[in-house]
Each structure stands twice: as C-alpha cells, then as structure tokens.
C-alpha cells in the first residue's frame, strides 16, 4: 500500500471498559479500521486522565481503575478517514474524536514481495 505525504490522524479517546458487540471498543475499532483498509492503527493505554464527566481515572495502587484512558490512533488519507468517521461515530457513546493533519514521512513494511 502506498500512502501519500498528506495524511490525516484520527484519535479516538475512550475508556478501557467501553464495549461494543461484546468486545472491548478499542479492539472493535482496530478490527473495523483494518476491514475498511485503513493504513494503520495503534491503541495506547493511559496511566491517568479525565474526560467530559471530570472523573479522574488512574492506575495508582490506592485508586486502581479498571477504566483507564485509551487512545486509538488511526492514520490514512483524509478521504479514507472521512469515509470511516460516520461508521464509528454512533458506536463511541462516551469520549472524544479528534482529527489533525499528519505529514506521512515514511510508511513501509519489512515484508519481502512474493513472486
């Protein structure tokens, strides 16, 4: 897959305990991004954070949370990200979705071509 330099970064901020179709929402989002042919996805687990409800989520021992912040980052062309957004917006019940321009400096795999 070739990715032009003018990319877009989609960030989805959710909670670790968020679910969809019986599985973690972050997992569902990554699988759907792959099914839609997006260039890449990464899930990041936060140590601490808060969102619209202003409740702090932390991994500290005294306040062990099973709902730590999760950020799902997806990168592709602006057109492919725009096509993907309406598919995921109804599924993200709580959280935040952001978009920003991304300059794709390099996108490659170490797989060798099979002949």
PDB file of N, CA and C in Angstrom:
ATOM      1  N   UNK A   1       0.851  -1.175   0.000  1.00  0.00           N
ATOM      2  CA  UNK A   1       0.000   0.000   0.000  1.00  0.00           C
ATOM      3  C   UNK A   1       0.895   1.235   0.000  1.00  0.00           C
ATOM      4  N   UNK A   2       0.542   2.177  -0.797  1.00  0.00           N
ATOM      5  CA  UNK A   2       1.249   3.454  -0.849  1.00  0.00           C
ATOM      6  C   UNK A   2       0.435   4.496  -0.102  1.00  0.00           C
ATOM      7  N   UNK A   3       1.101   5.343   0.645  1.00  0.00           N
ATOM      8  CA  UNK A   3       0.416   6.386   1.404  1.00  0.00           C
ATOM      9  C   UNK A   3       1.046   7.720   1.039  1.00  0.00           C
ATOM     10  N   UNK A   4       0.245   8.674   0.540  1.00  0.00           N
ATOM     11  CA  UNK A   4       0.805   9.970   0.158  1.00  0.00           C
ATOM     12  C   UNK A   4       1.249  10.768   1.387  1.00  0.00           C
ATOM     13  N   UNK A   5       2.080  11.779   1.202  1.00  0.00           N
ATOM     14  CA  UNK A   5       2.566  12.574   2.337  1.00  0.00           C
ATOM     15  C   UNK A   5       1.469  13.328   3.081  1.00  0.00           C
ATOM     16  N   UNK A   6       0.372  13.674   2.403  1.00  0.00           N
ATOM     17  CA  UNK A   6      -0.713  14.418   3.044  1.00  0.00           C
ATOM     18  C   UNK A   6      -1.691  13.435   3.684  1.00  0.00           C
ATOM     19  N   UNK A   7      -1.451  13.130   4.939  1.00  0.00           N
ATOM     20  CA  UNK A   7      -2.299  12.190   5.647  1.00  0.00           C
ATOM     21  C   UNK A   7      -3.161  12.878   6.686  1.00  0.00           C
ATOM     22  N   UNK A   8      -3.920  12.066   7.397  1.00  0.00           N
ATOM     23  CA  UNK A   8      -4.752  12.579   8.476  1.00  0.00           C
ATOM     24  C   UNK A   8      -4.678  11.601   9.640  1.00  0.00           C
ATOM     25  N   UNK A   9      -4.624  12.169  10.841  1.00  0.00           N
ATOM     26  CA  UNK A   9      -4.588  11.386  12.071  1.00  0.00           C
ATOM     27  C   UNK A   9      -5.934  11.511  12.760  1.00  0.00           C
ATOM     28  N   UNK A  10      -6.548  10.370  13.010  1.00  0.00           N
ATOM     29  CA  UNK A  10      -7.816  10.291  13.729  1.00  0.00           C
ATOM     30  C   UNK A  10      -7.503   9.722  15.103  1.00  0.00           C
ATOM     31  N   UNK A  11      -7.879  10.460  16.143  1.00  0.00           N
ATOM     32  CA  UNK A  11      -7.681   9.985  17.516  1.00  0.00           C
ATOM     33  C   UNK A  11      -9.041   9.798  18.170  1.00  0.00           C
ATOM     34  N   UNK A  12      -9.206   8.644  18.804  1.00  0.00           N
ATOM     35  CA  UNK A  12     -10.448   8.329  19.485  1.00  0.00           C
ATOM     36  C   UNK A  12     -10.108   8.090  20.953  1.00  0.00           C
ATOM     37  N   UNK A  13     -10.631   8.947  21.827  1.00  0.00           N
ATOM     38  CA  UNK A  13     -10.388   8.868  23.262  1.00  0.00           C
ATOM     39  C   UNK A  13     -11.585   8.172  23.910  1.00  0.00           C
ATOM     40  N   UNK A  14     -11.337   7.026  24.515  1.00  0.00           N
ATOM     41  CA  UNK A  14     -12.402   6.239  25.131  1.00  0.00           C
ATOM     42  C   UNK A  14     -11.904   5.679  26.459  1.00  0.00           C
ATOM     43  N   UNK A  15     -12.746   4.911  27.133  1.00  0.00           N
ATOM     44  CA  UNK A  15     -12.361   4.238  28.368  1.00  0.00           C
ATOM     45  C   UNK A  15     -12.072   2.770  28.109  1.00  0.00           C
ATOM     46  N   UNK A  16     -11.195   2.218  28.915  1.00  0.00           N
ATOM     47  CA  UNK A  16     -10.803   0.820  28.754  1.00  0.00           C
ATOM     48  C   UNK A  16     -11.983  -0.138  28.901  1.00  0.00           C
ATOM     49  N   UNK A  17     -12.973   0.233  29.687  1.00  0.00           N
ATOM     50  CA  UNK A  17     -14.118  -0.664  29.920  1.00  0.00           C
ATOM     51  C   UNK A  17     -15.217  -0.506  28.867  1.00  0.00           C
ATOM     52  N   UNK A  18     -15.078   0.436  27.932  1.00  0.00           N
ATOM     53  CA  UNK A  18     -16.093   0.619  26.884  1.00  0.00           C
ATOM     54  C   UNK A  18     -16.144  -0.622  25.994  1.00  0.00           C
ATOM     55  N   UNK A  19     -17.362  -1.045  25.700  1.00  0.00           N
ATOM     56  CA  UNK A  19     -17.566  -2.266  24.903  1.00  0.00           C
ATOM     57  C   UNK A  19     -18.473  -1.981  23.713  1.00  0.00           C
ATOM     58  N   UNK A  20     -18.337  -2.836  22.689  1.00  0.00           N
ATOM     59  CA  UNK A  20     -19.263  -2.843  21.560  1.00  0.00           C
ATOM     60  C   UNK A  20     -19.312  -4.260  21.006  1.00  0.00           C
ATOM     61  N   UNK A  21     -20.523  -4.755  20.817  1.00  0.00           N
ATOM     62  CA  UNK A  21     -20.732  -6.118  20.319  1.00  0.00           C
ATOM     63  C   UNK A  21     -19.993  -7.149  21.173  1.00  0.00           C
ATOM     64  N   UNK A  22     -19.977  -6.906  22.501  1.00  0.00           N
ATOM     65  CA  UNK A  22     -19.405  -7.865  23.429  1.00  0.00           C
ATOM     66  C   UNK A  22     -17.892  -7.886  23.531  1.00  0.00           C
ATOM     67  N   UNK A  23     -17.197  -6.987  22.853  1.00  0.00           N
ATOM     68  CA  UNK A  23     -15.742  -6.957  22.943  1.00  0.00           C
ATOM     69  C   UNK A  23     -15.294  -5.541  23.276  1.00  0.00           C
ATOM     70  N   UNK A  24     -14.064  -5.398  23.740  1.00  0.00           N
ATOM     71  CA  UNK A  24     -13.583  -4.042  24.037  1.00  0.00           C
ATOM     72  C   UNK A  24     -13.712  -3.131  22.810  1.00  0.00           C
ATOM     73  N   UNK A  25     -14.192  -1.910  23.052  1.00  0.00           N
ATOM     74  CA  UNK A  25     -14.411  -0.970  21.957  1.00  0.00           C
ATOM     75  C   UNK A  25     -13.130  -0.696  21.186  1.00  0.00           C
ATOM     76  N   UNK A  26     -11.994  -0.577  21.879  1.00  0.00           N
ATOM     77  CA  UNK A  26     -10.736  -0.305  21.181  1.00  0.00           C
ATOM     78  C   UNK A  26     -10.392  -1.438  20.211  1.00  0.00           C
ATOM     79  N   UNK A  27     -10.663  -2.664  20.623  1.00  0.00           N
ATOM     80  CA  UNK A  27     -10.409  -3.818  19.755  1.00  0.00           C
ATOM     81  C   UNK A  27     -11.329  -3.781  18.533  1.00  0.00           C
ATOM     82  N   UNK A  28     -12.600  -3.510  18.769  1.00  0.00           N
ATOM     83  CA  UNK A  28     -13.575  -3.422  17.679  1.00  0.00           C
ATOM     84  C   UNK A  28     -13.157  -2.343  16.679  1.00  0.00           C
ATOM     85  N   UNK A  29     -12.714  -1.183  17.183  1.00  0.00           N
ATOM     86  CA  UNK A  29     -12.299  -0.085  16.304  1.00  0.00           C
ATOM     87  C   UNK A  29     -11.115  -0.480  15.422  1.00  0.00           C
ATOM     88  N   UNK A  30     -10.132  -1.155  15.993  1.00  0.00           N
ATOM     89  CA  UNK A  30      -8.954  -1.558  15.213  1.00  0.00           C
ATOM     90  C   UNK A  30      -9.335  -2.588  14.153  1.00  0.00           C
ATOM     91  N   UNK A  31     -10.164  -3.553  14.520  1.00  0.00           N
ATOM     92  CA  UNK A  31     -10.594  -4.575  13.553  1.00  0.00           C
ATOM     93  C   UNK A  31     -11.373  -3.922  12.408  1.00  0.00           C
ATOM     94  N   UNK A  32     -12.279  -3.003  12.739  1.00  0.00           N
ATOM     95  CA  UNK A  32     -13.066  -2.330  11.701  1.00  0.00           C
ATOM     96  C   UNK A  32     -12.178  -1.444  10.823  1.00  0.00           C
ATOM     97  N   UNK A  33     -11.178  -0.795  11.404  1.00  0.00           N
ATOM     98  CA  UNK A  33     -10.249   0.013  10.608  1.00  0.00           C
ATOM     99  C   UNK A  33      -9.508  -0.871   9.604  1.00  0.00           C
ATOM    100  N   UNK A  34      -9.092  -2.044  10.036  1.00  0.00           N
ATOM    101  CA  UNK A  34      -8.412  -2.975   9.128  1.00  0.00           C
ATOM    102  C   UNK A  34      -9.361  -3.443   8.032  1.00  0.00           C
ATOM    103  N   UNK A  35     -10.590  -3.780   8.418  1.00  0.00           N
ATOM    104  CA  UNK A  35     -11.587  -4.209   7.434  1.00  0.00           C
ATOM    105  C   UNK A  35     -11.870  -3.121   6.409  1.00  0.00           C
ATOM    106  N   UNK A  36     -11.815  -1.849   6.831  1.00  0.00           N
ATOM    107  CA  UNK A  36     -12.048  -0.728   5.914  1.00  0.00           C
ATOM    108  C   UNK A  36     -10.798  -0.341   5.128  1.00  0.00           C
ATOM    109  N   UNK A  37      -9.698  -1.061   5.350  1.00  0.00           N
ATOM    110  CA  UNK A  37      -8.487  -0.836   4.572  1.00  0.00           C
ATOM    111  C   UNK A  37      -7.675   0.380   4.981  1.00  0.00           C
ATOM    112  N   UNK A  38      -7.845   0.851   6.220  1.00  0.00           N
ATOM    113  CA  UNK A  38      -7.041   1.978   6.668  1.00  0.00           C
ATOM    114  C   UNK A  38      -5.576   1.559   6.808  1.00  0.00           C
ATOM    115  N   UNK A  39      -4.691   2.530   6.697  1.00  0.00           N
ATOM    116  CA  UNK A  39      -3.258   2.253   6.637  1.00  0.00           C
ATOM    117  C   UNK A  39      -2.676   1.742   7.949  1.00  0.00           C
ATOM    118  N   UNK A  40      -3.184   2.217   9.082  1.00  0.00           N
ATOM    119  CA  UNK A  40      -2.602   1.774  10.340  1.00  0.00           C
ATOM    120  C   UNK A  40      -3.413   2.201  11.531  1.00  0.00           C
ATOM    121  N   UNK A  41      -3.235   1.473  12.630  1.00  0.00           N
ATOM    122  CA  UNK A  41      -3.934   1.770  13.879  1.00  0.00           C
ATOM    123  C   UNK A  41      -3.049   1.369  15.047  1.00  0.00           C
ATOM    124  N   UNK A  42      -3.121   2.161  16.117  1.00  0.00           N
ATOM    125  CA  UNK A  42      -2.396   1.871  17.345  1.00  0.00           C
ATOM    126  C   UNK A  42      -3.305   2.188  18.527  1.00  0.00           C
ATOM    127  N   UNK A  43      -3.259   1.331  19.544  1.00  0.00           N
ATOM    128  CA  UNK A  43      -4.014   1.563  20.769  1.00  0.00           C
ATOM    129  C   UNK A  43      -3.018   1.891  21.874  1.00  0.00           C
ATOM    130  N   UNK A  44      -3.259   3.022  22.553  1.00  0.00           N
ATOM    131  CA  UNK A  44      -2.399   3.461  23.649  1.00  0.00           C
ATOM    132  C   UNK A  44      -3.213   3.474  24.936  1.00  0.00           C
ATOM    133  N   UNK A  45      -2.633   2.943  26.005  1.00  0.00           N
ATOM    134  CA  UNK A  45      -3.310   2.903  27.301  1.00  0.00           C
ATOM    135  C   UNK A  45      -2.703   3.975  28.189  1.00  0.00           C
ATOM    136  N   UNK A  46      -3.547   4.851  28.691  1.00  0.00           N
ATOM    137  CA  UNK A  46      -3.080   5.946  29.531  1.00  0.00           C
ATOM    138  C   UNK A  46      -2.941   5.541  30.982  1.00  0.00           C
ATOM    139  N   UNK A  47      -2.026   6.215  31.675  1.00  0.00           N
ATOM    140  CA  UNK A  47      -1.840   5.980  33.107  1.00  0.00           C
ATOM    141  C   UNK A  47      -2.825   6.767  33.949  1.00  0.00           C
ATOM    142  N   UNK A  48      -3.271   7.907  33.383  1.00  0.00           N
ATOM    143  CA  UNK A  48      -4.169   8.760  34.136  1.00  0.00           C
ATOM    144  C   UNK A  48      -4.857   9.709  33.178  1.00  0.00           C
ATOM    145  N   UNK A  49      -6.080  10.103  33.501  1.00  0.00           N
ATOM    146  CA  UNK A  49      -6.774  11.070  32.671  1.00  0.00           C
ATOM    147  C   UNK A  49      -8.186  11.317  33.166  1.00  0.00           C
ATOM    148  N   UNK A  50      -8.855  12.272  32.527  1.00  0.00           N
ATOM    149  CA  UNK A  50     -10.263  12.517  32.788  1.00  0.00           C
ATOM    150  C   UNK A  50     -10.890  13.036  31.516  1.00  0.00           C
ATOM    151  N   UNK A  51     -12.198  12.942  31.446  1.00  0.00           N
ATOM    152  CA  UNK A  51     -12.922  13.363  30.255  1.00  0.00           C
ATOM    153  C   UNK A  51     -14.071  14.272  30.602  1.00  0.00           C
ATOM    154  N   UNK A  52     -15.110  14.200  29.801  1.00  0.00           N
ATOM    155  CA  UNK A  52     -16.249  15.104  29.925  1.00  0.00           C
ATOM    156  C   UNK A  52     -16.953  14.999  31.276  1.00  0.00           C
ATOM    157  N   UNK A  53     -16.903  13.831  31.905  1.00  0.00           N
ATOM    158  CA  UNK A  53     -17.569  13.677  33.211  1.00  0.00           C
ATOM    159  C   UNK A  53     -16.687  14.147  34.371  1.00  0.00           C
ATOM    160  N   UNK A  54     -15.445  14.550  34.091  1.00  0.00           N
ATOM    161  CA  UNK A  54     -14.480  15.073  35.072  1.00  0.00           C
ATOM    162  C   UNK A  54     -14.075  14.076  36.149  1.00  0.00           C
ATOM    163  N   UNK A  55     -14.347  12.800  35.959  1.00  0.00           N
ATOM    164  CA  UNK A  55     -13.908  11.769  36.900  1.00  0.00           C
ATOM    165  C   UNK A  55     -12.487  11.342  36.531  1.00  0.00           C
ATOM    166  N   UNK A  56     -11.569  11.389  37.488  1.00  0.00           N
ATOM    167  CA  UNK A  56     -10.179  11.020  37.221  1.00  0.00           C
ATOM    168  C   UNK A  56     -10.041   9.504  37.235  1.00  0.00           C
ATOM    169  N   UNK A  57      -9.379   8.999  36.225  1.00  0.00           N
ATOM    170  CA  UNK A  57      -9.073   7.579  36.109  1.00  0.00           C
ATOM    171  C   UNK A  57      -7.559   7.454  36.267  1.00  0.00           C
ATOM    172  N   UNK A  58      -7.115   6.554  37.153  1.00  0.00           N
ATOM    173  CA  UNK A  58      -5.688   6.431  37.405  1.00  0.00           C
ATOM    174  C   UNK A  58      -5.312   4.976  37.654  1.00  0.00           C
ATOM    175  N   UNK A  59      -4.044   4.661  37.442  1.00  0.00           N
ATOM    176  CA  UNK A  59      -3.558   3.303  37.683  1.00  0.00           C
ATOM    177  C   UNK A  59      -2.860   3.183  39.030  1.00  0.00           C
ATOM    178  N   UNK A  60      -2.912   4.229  39.862  1.00  0.00           N
ATOM    179  CA  UNK A  60      -2.277   4.174  41.175  1.00  0.00           C
ATOM    180  C   UNK A  60      -2.882   3.052  42.008  1.00  0.00           C
ATOM    181  N   UNK A  61      -2.046   2.422  42.816  1.00  0.00           N
ATOM    182  CA  UNK A  61      -2.461   1.269  43.620  1.00  0.00           C
ATOM    183  C   UNK A  61      -3.674   1.584  44.498  1.00  0.00           C
ATOM    184  N   UNK A  62      -3.672   2.740  45.156  1.00  0.00           N
ATOM    185  CA  UNK A  62      -4.760   3.060  46.074  1.00  0.00           C
ATOM    186  C   UNK A  62      -6.070   3.354  45.367  1.00  0.00           C
ATOM    187  N   UNK A  63      -5.983   3.721  44.088  1.00  0.00           N
ATOM    188  CA  UNK A  63      -7.202   4.043  43.339  1.00  0.00           C
ATOM    189  C   UNK A  63      -7.201   3.251  42.036  1.00  0.00           C
ATOM    190  N   UNK A  64      -6.953   1.954  42.147  1.00  0.00           N
ATOM    191  CA  UNK A  64      -6.850   1.110  40.960  1.00  0.00           C
ATOM    192  C   UNK A  64      -8.123   1.204  40.120  1.00  0.00           C
ATOM    193  N   UNK A  65      -7.941   1.555  38.870  1.00  0.00           N
ATOM    194  CA  UNK A  65      -9.082   1.731  37.977  1.00  0.00           C
ATOM    195  C   UNK A  65      -9.051   0.674  36.887  1.00  0.00           C
ATOM    196  N   UNK A  66     -10.203   0.101  36.618  1.00  0.00           N
ATOM    197  CA  UNK A  66     -10.320  -0.826  35.505  1.00  0.00           C
ATOM    198  C   UNK A  66     -10.832  -0.105  34.268  1.00  0.00           C
ATOM    199  N   UNK A  67     -10.881   1.217  34.347  1.00  0.00           N
ATOM    200  CA  UNK A  67     -11.375   2.014  33.235  1.00  0.00           C
ATOM    201  C   UNK A  67     -10.355   3.101  32.887  1.00  0.00           C
ATOM    202  N   UNK A  68      -9.129   2.687  32.618  1.00  0.00           N
ATOM    203  CA  UNK A  68      -8.072   3.643  32.278  1.00  0.00           C
ATOM    204  C   UNK A  68      -8.345   4.263  30.909  1.00  0.00           C
ATOM    205  N   UNK A  69      -7.772   5.430  30.663  1.00  0.00           N
ATOM    206  CA  UNK A  69      -7.956   6.074  29.357  1.00  0.00           C
ATOM    207  C   UNK A  69      -7.308   5.249  28.241  1.00  0.00           C
ATOM    208  N   UNK A  70      -7.988   5.196  27.123  1.00  0.00           N
ATOM    209  CA  UNK A  70      -7.486   4.522  25.923  1.00  0.00           C
ATOM    210  C   UNK A  70      -7.546   5.526  24.776  1.00  0.00           C
ATOM    211  N   UNK A  71      -6.472   5.576  23.986  1.00  0.00           N
ATOM    212  CA  UNK A  71      -6.455   6.395  22.774  1.00  0.00           C
ATOM    213  C   UNK A  71      -6.201   5.454  21.605  1.00  0.00           C
ATOM    214  N   UNK A  72      -7.100   5.472  20.632  1.00  0.00           N
ATOM    215  CA  UNK A  72      -6.916   4.708  19.401  1.00  0.00           C
ATOM    216  C   UNK A  72      -6.515   5.714  18.330  1.00  0.00           C
ATOM    217  N   UNK A  73      -5.350   5.510  17.737  1.00  0.00           N
ATOM    218  CA  UNK A  73      -4.862   6.403  16.688  1.00  0.00           C
ATOM    219  C   UNK A  73      -4.902   5.677  15.348  1.00  0.00           C
ATOM    220  N   UNK A  74      -5.481   6.337  14.366  1.00  0.00           N
ATOM    221  CA  UNK A  74      -5.600   5.782  13.017  1.00  0.00           C
ATOM    222  C   UNK A  74      -5.039   6.802  12.036  1.00  0.00           C
ATOM    223  N   UNK A  75      -4.280   6.341  11.070  1.00  0.00           N
ATOM    224  CA  UNK A  75      -3.701   7.231  10.065  1.00  0.00           C
ATOM    225  C   UNK A  75      -4.037   6.716   8.678  1.00  0.00           C
ATOM    226  N   UNK A  76      -4.426   7.637   7.809  1.00  0.00           N
ATOM    227  CA  UNK A  76      -4.639   7.329   6.399  1.00  0.00           C
ATOM    228  C   UNK A  76      -4.834   8.648   5.662  1.00  0.00           C
ATOM    229  N   UNK A  77      -5.339   8.574   4.457  1.00  0.00           N
ATOM    230  CA  UNK A  77      -5.618   9.788   3.692  1.00  0.00           C
ATOM    231  C   UNK A  77      -6.853  10.466   4.284  1.00  0.00           C
ATOM    232  N   UNK A  78      -6.985  11.780   4.116  1.00  0.00           N
ATOM    233  CA  UNK A  78      -8.179  12.463   4.619  1.00  0.00           C
ATOM    234  C   UNK A  78      -9.480  11.854   4.086  1.00  0.00           C
ATOM    235  N   UNK A  79      -9.493  11.435   2.825  1.00  0.00           N
ATOM    236  CA  UNK A  79     -10.710  10.857   2.242  1.00  0.00           C
ATOM    237  C   UNK A  79     -11.110   9.550   2.942  1.00  0.00           C
ATOM    238  N   UNK A  80     -10.132   8.674   3.182  1.00  0.00           N
ATOM    239  CA  UNK A  80     -10.451   7.395   3.825  1.00  0.00           C
ATOM    240  C   UNK A  80     -10.873   7.587   5.279  1.00  0.00           C
ATOM    241  N   UNK A  81     -10.249   8.541   5.961  1.00  0.00           N
ATOM    242  CA  UNK A  81     -10.644   8.829   7.344  1.00  0.00           C
ATOM    243  C   UNK A  81     -12.062   9.384   7.365  1.00  0.00           C
ATOM    244  N   UNK A  82     -12.371  10.295   6.445  1.00  0.00           N
ATOM    245  CA  UNK A  82     -13.719  10.880   6.369  1.00  0.00           C
ATOM    246  C   UNK A  82     -14.774   9.802   6.099  1.00  0.00           C
ATOM    247  N   UNK A  83     -14.447   8.834   5.267  1.00  0.00           N
ATOM    248  CA  UNK A  83     -15.377   7.732   4.986  1.00  0.00           C
ATOM    249  C   UNK A  83     -15.586   6.841   6.212  1.00  0.00           C
ATOM    250  N   UNK A  84     -14.575   6.717   7.044  1.00  0.00           N
ATOM    251  CA  UNK A  84     -14.629   5.845   8.213  1.00  0.00           C
ATOM    252  C   UNK A  84     -15.392   6.485   9.379  1.00  0.00           C
ATOM    253  N   UNK A  85     -15.328   7.799   9.500  1.00  0.00           N
ATOM    254  CA  UNK A  85     -15.942   8.511  10.628  1.00  0.00           C
ATOM    255  C   UNK A  85     -17.424   8.212  10.839  1.00  0.00           C
ATOM    256  N   UNK A  86     -18.276   8.294   9.809  1.00  0.00           N
ATOM    257  CA  UNK A  86     -19.706   8.032  10.047  1.00  0.00           C
ATOM    258  C   UNK A  86     -19.980   6.606  10.530  1.00  0.00           C
ATOM    259  N   UNK A  87     -19.080   5.696  10.225  1.00  0.00           N
ATOM    260  CA  UNK A  87     -19.235   4.308  10.645  1.00  0.00           C
ATOM    261  C   UNK A  87     -18.991   4.149  12.148  1.00  0.00           C
ATOM    262  N   UNK A  88     -18.049   4.932  12.701  1.00  0.00           N
ATOM    263  CA  UNK A  88     -17.682   4.754  14.110  1.00  0.00           C
ATOM    264  C   UNK A  88     -18.371   5.734  15.059  1.00  0.00           C
ATOM    265  N   UNK A  89     -18.801   6.891  14.549  1.00  0.00           N
ATOM    266  CA  UNK A  89     -19.388   7.911  15.432  1.00  0.00           C
ATOM    267  C   UNK A  89     -20.551   7.387  16.275  1.00  0.00           C
ATOM    268  N   UNK A  90     -21.477   6.601  15.730  1.00  0.00           N
ATOM    269  CA  UNK A  90     -22.588   6.104  16.557  1.00  0.00           C
ATOM    270  C   UNK A  90     -22.143   5.108  17.632  1.00  0.00           C
ATOM    271  N   UNK A  91     -20.981   4.500  17.459  1.00  0.00           N
ATOM    272  CA  UNK A  91     -20.501   3.459  18.355  1.00  0.00           C
ATOM    273  C   UNK A  91     -19.775   4.046  19.570  1.00  0.00           C
ATOM    274  N   UNK A  92     -19.168   5.212  19.406  1.00  0.00           N
ATOM    275  CA  UNK A  92     -18.443   5.858  20.505  1.00  0.00           C
ATOM    276  C   UNK A  92     -19.473   6.631  21.331  1.00  0.00           C
ATOM    277  N   UNK A  93     -19.951   5.991  22.387  1.00  0.00           N
ATOM    278  CA  UNK A  93     -21.020   6.570  23.216  1.00  0.00           C
ATOM    279  C   UNK A  93     -20.488   7.643  24.157  1.00  0.00           C
ATOM    280  N   UNK A  94     -19.273   7.464  24.662  1.00  0.00           N
ATOM    281  CA  UNK A  94     -18.616   8.432  25.534  1.00  0.00           C
ATOM    282  C   UNK A  94     -17.194   8.604  25.038  1.00  0.00           C
ATOM    283  N   UNK A  95     -16.681   9.815  25.139  1.00  0.00           N
ATOM    284  CA  UNK A  95     -15.302  10.041  24.746  1.00  0.00           C
ATOM    285  C   UNK A  95     -15.161  11.243  23.835  1.00  0.00           C
ATOM    286  N   UNK A  96     -14.132  11.215  23.016  1.00  0.00           N
ATOM    287  CA  UNK A  96     -13.853  12.326  22.117  1.00  0.00           C
ATOM    288  C   UNK A  96     -13.160  11.784  20.872  1.00  0.00           C
ATOM    289  N   UNK A  97     -13.467  12.408  19.744  1.00  0.00           N
ATOM    290  CA  UNK A  97     -12.823  12.069  18.475  1.00  0.00           C
ATOM    291  C   UNK A  97     -12.197  13.343  17.942  1.00  0.00           C
ATOM    292  N   UNK A  98     -10.910  13.278  17.601  1.00  0.00           N
ATOM    293  CA  UNK A  98     -10.225  14.447  17.040  1.00  0.00           C
ATOM    294  C   UNK A  98      -9.581  14.084  15.710  1.00  0.00           C
ATOM    295  N   UNK A  99      -9.378  15.111  14.904  1.00  0.00           N
ATOM    296  CA  UNK A  99      -8.710  14.969  13.609  1.00  0.00           C
ATOM    297  C   UNK A  99      -7.595  15.998  13.520  1.00  0.00           C
ATOM    298  N   UNK A 100      -6.502  15.605  12.914  1.00  0.00           N
ATOM    299  CA  UNK A 100      -5.452  16.573  12.636  1.00  0.00           C
ATOM    300  C   UNK A 100      -4.678  16.140  11.400  1.00  0.00           C
ATOM    301  N   UNK A 101      -4.071  17.130  10.766  1.00  0.00           N
ATOM    302  CA  UNK A 101      -3.245  16.833   9.609  1.00  0.00           C
ATOM    303  C   UNK A 101      -2.026  16.049  10.057  1.00  0.00           C
ATOM    304  N   UNK A 102      -1.604  15.135   9.225  1.00  0.00           N
ATOM    305  CA  UNK A 102      -0.411  14.340   9.520  1.00  0.00           C
ATOM    306  C   UNK A 102       0.446  14.287   8.273  1.00  0.00           C
ATOM    307  N   UNK A 103       1.680  14.673   8.403  1.00  0.00           N
ATOM    308  CA  UNK A 103       2.627  14.537   7.294  1.00  0.00           C
ATOM    309  C   UNK A 103       3.236  13.150   7.395  1.00  0.00           C
ATOM    310  N   UNK A 104       2.970  12.323   6.408  1.00  0.00           N
ATOM    311  CA  UNK A 104       3.483  10.954   6.405  1.00  0.00           C
ATOM    312  C   UNK A 104       4.901  10.990   5.838  1.00  0.00           C
ATOM    313  N   UNK A 105       5.842  10.785   6.701  1.00  0.00           N
ATOM    314  CA  UNK A 105       7.249  10.820   6.297  1.00  0.00           C
ATOM    315  C   UNK A 105       7.691   9.476   5.715  1.00  0.00           C
ATOM    316  N   UNK A 106       7.179   8.386   6.305  1.00  0.00           N
ATOM    317  CA  UNK A 106       7.545   7.056   5.834  1.00  0.00           C
ATOM    318  C   UNK A 106       6.423   6.100   6.183  1.00  0.00           C
ATOM    319  N   UNK A 107       6.136   5.178   5.270  1.00  0.00           N
ATOM    320  CA  UNK A 107       5.161   4.124   5.520  1.00  0.00           C
ATOM    321  C   UNK A 107       5.600   2.913   4.714  1.00  0.00           C
ATOM    322  N   UNK A 108       6.124   1.926   5.406  1.00  0.00           N
ATOM    323  CA  UNK A 108       6.609   0.740   4.697  1.00  0.00           C
ATOM    324  C   UNK A 108       6.587  -0.472   5.604  1.00  0.00           C
ATOM    325  N   UNK A 109       6.649  -1.612   4.976  1.00  0.00           N
ATOM    326  CA  UNK A 109       6.660  -2.889   5.662  1.00  0.00           C
ATOM    327  C   UNK A 109       7.996  -3.564   5.403  1.00  0.00           C
ATOM    328  N   UNK A 110       8.397  -4.446   6.286  1.00  0.00           N
ATOM    329  CA  UNK A 110       9.647  -5.181   6.061  1.00  0.00           C
ATOM    330  C   UNK A 110       9.407  -6.502   5.347  1.00  0.00           C
ATOM    331  N   UNK A 111       8.158  -6.725   4.923  1.00  0.00           N
ATOM    332  CA  UNK A 111       7.855  -7.952   4.178  1.00  0.00           C
ATOM    333  C   UNK A 111       8.497  -7.895   2.796  1.00  0.00           C
ATOM    334  N   UNK A 112       9.034  -9.001   2.361  1.00  0.00           N
ATOM    335  CA  UNK A 112       9.564  -9.062   1.011  1.00  0.00           C
ATOM    336  C   UNK A 112       8.456  -9.494   0.079  1.00  0.00           C
ATOM    337  N   UNK A 113       8.495  -8.965  -1.120  1.00  0.00           N
ATOM    338  CA  UNK A 113       7.453  -9.307  -2.099  1.00  0.00           C
ATOM    339  C   UNK A 113       7.596 -10.764  -2.513  1.00  0.00           C
ATOM    340  N   UNK A 114       6.460 -11.443  -2.596  1.00  0.00           N
ATOM    341  CA  UNK A 114       6.477 -12.827  -3.061  1.00  0.00           C
ATOM    342  C   UNK A 114       6.267 -12.832  -4.566  1.00  0.00           C
ATOM    343  N   UNK A 115       7.022 -13.636  -5.222  1.00  0.00           N
ATOM    344  CA  UNK A 115       6.932 -13.709  -6.696  1.00  0.00           C
ATOM    345  C   UNK A 115       6.219 -14.947  -7.123  1.00  0.00           C
TER     346      UNK A 115
END
